[in-house]
Amino acid sequence: MSKVGQWVFEMQEDAQWCSRDVFIRKHGLSQVVVWDEVQRQMNEDSVEPEAYWGHHEMEMDDGA
């Protein structure tokens, strides 16, 4: 991977775990768009179990 590719990958990883302030201190205000985009994608990808599976009543099979 190129140096630029490694740098972008590092920023994306940091954006997952760092607060916005920490990210800005490390990578600079000019790169905060990376943090914003990663956080947006993470928020879109997180789904509540009910939204994914729906609201279904569980039926127990008695084996008969």
C-alpha atoms as a PDB file:
ATOM      1  CA  MET A   1       0.000   0.000   0.000  1.00  0.00           C
ATOM      2  CA  SER A   2       1.245   3.476  -0.787  1.00  0.00           C
ATOM      3  CA  LYS A   3       2.119   5.963   1.933  1.00  0.00           C
ATOM      4  CA  VAL A   4      -0.950   8.015   1.100  1.00  0.00           C
ATOM      5  CA  GLY A   5      -3.127   4.893   1.247  1.00  0.00           C
ATOM      6  CA  GLN A   6      -1.670   3.990   4.634  1.00  0.00           C
ATOM      7  CA  TRP A   7      -2.267   7.530   5.887  1.00  0.00           C
ATOM      8  CA  VAL A   8      -5.914   7.493   4.764  1.00  0.00           C
ATOM      9  CA  PHE A   9      -6.416   4.033   6.291  1.00  0.00           C
ATOM     10  CA  GLU A  10      -4.926   5.241   9.589  1.00  0.00           C
ATOM     11  CA  MET A  11      -7.258   8.253   9.601  1.00  0.00           C
ATOM     12  CA  GLN A  12     -10.259   6.007   8.934  1.00  0.00           C
ATOM     13  CA  GLU A  13      -9.270   3.702  11.791  1.00  0.00           C
ATOM     14  CA  ASP A  14      -8.746   6.650  14.138  1.00  0.00           C
ATOM     15  CA  ALA A  15     -12.111   8.085  13.114  1.00  0.00           C
ATOM     16  CA  GLN A  16     -13.817   4.931  14.350  1.00  0.00           C
ATOM     17  CA  TRP A  17     -12.417   5.162  17.868  1.00  0.00           C
ATOM     18  CA  CYS A  18     -11.279   8.733  18.528  1.00  0.00           C
ATOM     19  CA  SER A  19     -13.461  11.579  19.615  1.00  0.00           C
ATOM     20  CA  ARG A  20     -13.763  14.397  17.077  1.00  0.00           C
ATOM     21  CA  ASP A  21     -11.462  16.614  19.166  1.00  0.00           C
ATOM     22  CA  VAL A  22      -8.752  13.977  19.464  1.00  0.00           C
ATOM     23  CA  PHE A  23      -8.981  13.257  15.735  1.00  0.00           C
ATOM     24  CA  ILE A  24      -8.562  16.961  14.911  1.00  0.00           C
ATOM     25  CA  ARG A  25      -5.563  17.276  17.236  1.00  0.00           C
ATOM     26  CA  LYS A  26      -3.882  14.305  15.577  1.00  0.00           C
ATOM     27  CA  HIS A  27      -4.802  14.831  11.908  1.00  0.00           C
ATOM     28  CA  GLY A  28      -5.771  18.503  11.676  1.00  0.00           C
ATOM     29  CA  LEU A  29      -8.968  20.391  11.072  1.00  0.00           C
ATOM     30  CA  SER A  30      -8.576  20.018   7.309  1.00  0.00           C
ATOM     31  CA  GLN A  31      -9.077  16.246   7.645  1.00  0.00           C
ATOM     32  CA  VAL A  32     -12.171  16.343   9.884  1.00  0.00           C
ATOM     33  CA  VAL A  33     -14.290  15.479   6.837  1.00  0.00           C
ATOM     34  CA  VAL A  34     -12.834  11.955   7.119  1.00  0.00           C
ATOM     35  CA  TRP A  35     -14.024  11.686  10.732  1.00  0.00           C
ATOM     36  CA  ASP A  36     -17.462  13.020   9.793  1.00  0.00           C
ATOM     37  CA  GLU A  37     -17.857  10.538   6.930  1.00  0.00           C
ATOM     38  CA  VAL A  38     -16.712   7.515   8.947  1.00  0.00           C
ATOM     39  CA  GLN A  39     -19.037   8.440  11.809  1.00  0.00           C
ATOM     40  CA  ARG A  40     -21.943   8.937   9.378  1.00  0.00           C
ATOM     41  CA  GLN A  41     -21.353   5.508   7.863  1.00  0.00           C
ATOM     42  CA  MET A  42     -21.098   3.897  11.293  1.00  0.00           C
ATOM     43  CA  ASN A  43     -24.409   5.487  12.353  1.00  0.00           C
ATOM     44  CA  GLU A  44     -26.130   4.275   9.179  1.00  0.00           C
ATOM     45  CA  ASP A  45     -24.752   0.765   9.624  1.00  0.00           C
ATOM     46  CA  SER A  46     -25.938   0.392  13.205  1.00  0.00           C
ATOM     47  CA  VAL A  47     -29.366  -1.168  13.234  1.00  0.00           C
ATOM     48  CA  GLU A  48     -31.564  -1.866  16.206  1.00  0.00           C
ATOM     49  CA  PRO A  49     -32.383  -5.595  16.473  1.00  0.00           C
ATOM     50  CA  GLU A  50     -36.105  -4.885  16.212  1.00  0.00           C
ATOM     51  CA  ALA A  51     -35.594  -2.929  13.011  1.00  0.00           C
ATOM     52  CA  TYR A  52     -33.574  -5.773  11.516  1.00  0.00           C
ATOM     53  CA  TRP A  53     -35.653  -8.740  12.670  1.00  0.00           C
ATOM     54  CA  GLY A  54     -38.989  -7.029  13.124  1.00  0.00           C
ATOM     55  CA  HIS A  55     -41.385  -7.580  15.983  1.00  0.00           C
ATOM     56  CA  HIS A  56     -42.236 -11.271  15.983  1.00  0.00           C
ATOM     57  CA  GLU A  57     -43.680 -13.391  18.695  1.00  0.00           C
ATOM     58  CA  MET A  58     -41.529 -16.394  19.456  1.00  0.00           C
ATOM     59  CA  GLU A  59     -43.341 -19.740  19.330  1.00  0.00           C
ATOM     60  CA  MET A  60     -41.897 -22.669  21.167  1.00  0.00           C
ATOM     61  CA  ASP A  61     -41.927 -26.001  19.407  1.00  0.00           C
ATOM     62  CA  ASP A  62     -43.010 -28.728  21.802  1.00  0.00           C
ATOM     63  CA  GLY A  63     -41.538 -31.390  19.530  1.00  0.00           C
ATOM     64  CA  ALA A  64     -44.878 -33.047  18.819  1.00  0.00           C
END
